[in-house]
Amino acid sequence: MTVKGWAITAGVGAAAGAVAVLMMPRTNPTRRLAAKAANKMEDVAWKVSDAVSSKMEELDL
């Protein structure tokens, strides 16, 4: 399997897993854990974005 094929398969699998988690009741521990993980990833993404922006401003890019 090529890297492209593997990436597509992994993406489809992740999407199917996300849909399955979203179909669970909100009180389900798995859904709560997934929500916490998503929130942490969003926080990290914002921190990285802010760090990159500040470095670009320092370099006048």
C-alpha atoms as a PDB file:
ATOM      1  CA  MET A   1       0.000   0.000   0.000  1.00  0.00           C
ATOM      2  CA  THR A   2       1.328   3.413  -0.890  1.00  0.00           C
ATOM      3  CA  VAL A   3       1.534   6.296   1.539  1.00  0.00           C
ATOM      4  CA  LYS A   4      -1.318   8.013  -0.266  1.00  0.00           C
ATOM      5  CA  GLY A   5      -3.524   4.927   0.052  1.00  0.00           C
ATOM      6  CA  TRP A   6      -2.652   4.550   3.706  1.00  0.00           C
ATOM      7  CA  ALA A   7      -3.442   8.218   4.379  1.00  0.00           C
ATOM      8  CA  ILE A   8      -6.826   7.956   2.672  1.00  0.00           C
ATOM      9  CA  THR A   9      -7.671   4.784   4.596  1.00  0.00           C
ATOM     10  CA  ALA A  10      -6.629   6.352   7.891  1.00  0.00           C
ATOM     11  CA  GLY A  11      -8.661   9.483   7.134  1.00  0.00           C
ATOM     12  CA  VAL A  12     -11.779   7.496   6.307  1.00  0.00           C
ATOM     13  CA  GLY A  13     -11.338   5.431   9.462  1.00  0.00           C
ATOM     14  CA  ALA A  14     -10.923   8.525  11.616  1.00  0.00           C
ATOM     15  CA  ALA A  15     -14.014  10.115  10.075  1.00  0.00           C
ATOM     16  CA  ALA A  16     -16.063   6.962  10.694  1.00  0.00           C
ATOM     17  CA  GLY A  17     -14.856   6.856  14.298  1.00  0.00           C
ATOM     18  CA  ALA A  18     -15.738  10.512  14.808  1.00  0.00           C
ATOM     19  CA  VAL A  19     -19.246   9.933  13.470  1.00  0.00           C
ATOM     20  CA  ALA A  20     -19.680   6.942  15.786  1.00  0.00           C
ATOM     21  CA  VAL A  21     -18.608   9.014  18.797  1.00  0.00           C
ATOM     22  CA  LEU A  22     -20.942  11.863  17.838  1.00  0.00           C
ATOM     23  CA  MET A  23     -23.873   9.436  17.644  1.00  0.00           C
ATOM     24  CA  MET A  24     -23.361   8.477  21.305  1.00  0.00           C
ATOM     25  CA  PRO A  25     -25.373  10.182  24.044  1.00  0.00           C
ATOM     26  CA  ARG A  26     -23.724  13.253  25.543  1.00  0.00           C
ATOM     27  CA  THR A  27     -23.462  11.533  28.904  1.00  0.00           C
ATOM     28  CA  ASN A  28     -21.370   8.702  27.464  1.00  0.00           C
ATOM     29  CA  PRO A  29     -17.847   8.676  28.956  1.00  0.00           C
ATOM     30  CA  THR A  30     -16.275   8.022  25.550  1.00  0.00           C
ATOM     31  CA  ARG A  31     -17.948  11.070  24.055  1.00  0.00           C
ATOM     32  CA  ARG A  32     -16.879  13.200  27.020  1.00  0.00           C
ATOM     33  CA  LEU A  33     -13.284  12.006  26.653  1.00  0.00           C
ATOM     34  CA  ALA A  34     -13.369  12.761  22.921  1.00  0.00           C
ATOM     35  CA  ALA A  35     -14.704  16.252  23.628  1.00  0.00           C
ATOM     36  CA  LYS A  36     -11.898  16.896  26.141  1.00  0.00           C
ATOM     37  CA  ALA A  37      -9.306  15.706  23.646  1.00  0.00           C
ATOM     38  CA  ALA A  38     -10.764  17.921  20.921  1.00  0.00           C
ATOM     39  CA  ASN A  39     -10.723  20.939  23.234  1.00  0.00           C
ATOM     40  CA  LYS A  40      -7.091  20.325  24.184  1.00  0.00           C
ATOM     41  CA  MET A  41      -6.118  19.972  20.526  1.00  0.00           C
ATOM     42  CA  GLU A  42      -7.867  23.247  19.745  1.00  0.00           C
ATOM     43  CA  ASP A  43      -5.958  24.972  22.559  1.00  0.00           C
ATOM     44  CA  VAL A  44      -2.656  23.606  21.266  1.00  0.00           C
ATOM     45  CA  ALA A  45      -3.492  24.702  17.717  1.00  0.00           C
ATOM     46  CA  TRP A  46      -4.205  28.251  18.921  1.00  0.00           C
ATOM     47  CA  LYS A  47      -0.951  28.363  20.895  1.00  0.00           C
ATOM     48  CA  VAL A  48       1.044  27.176  17.893  1.00  0.00           C
ATOM     49  CA  SER A  49      -0.720  29.670  15.646  1.00  0.00           C
ATOM     50  CA  ASP A  50       0.018  32.511  18.056  1.00  0.00           C
ATOM     51  CA  ALA A  51       3.669  31.482  18.348  1.00  0.00           C
ATOM     52  CA  VAL A  52       4.089  31.295  14.573  1.00  0.00           C
ATOM     53  CA  SER A  53       2.384  34.657  14.099  1.00  0.00           C
ATOM     54  CA  SER A  54       4.583  36.348  16.676  1.00  0.00           C
ATOM     55  CA  LYS A  55       7.741  34.893  15.122  1.00  0.00           C
ATOM     56  CA  MET A  56       6.635  36.052  11.676  1.00  0.00           C
ATOM     57  CA  GLU A  57       5.989  39.544  13.026  1.00  0.00           C
ATOM     58  CA  GLU A  58       9.469  39.593  14.574  1.00  0.00           C
ATOM     59  CA  LEU A  59      10.958  38.704  11.199  1.00  0.00           C
ATOM     60  CA  ASP A  60       8.674  41.110   9.282  1.00  0.00           C
ATOM     61  CA  LEU A  61       7.323  38.347   7.034  1.00  0.00           C
END
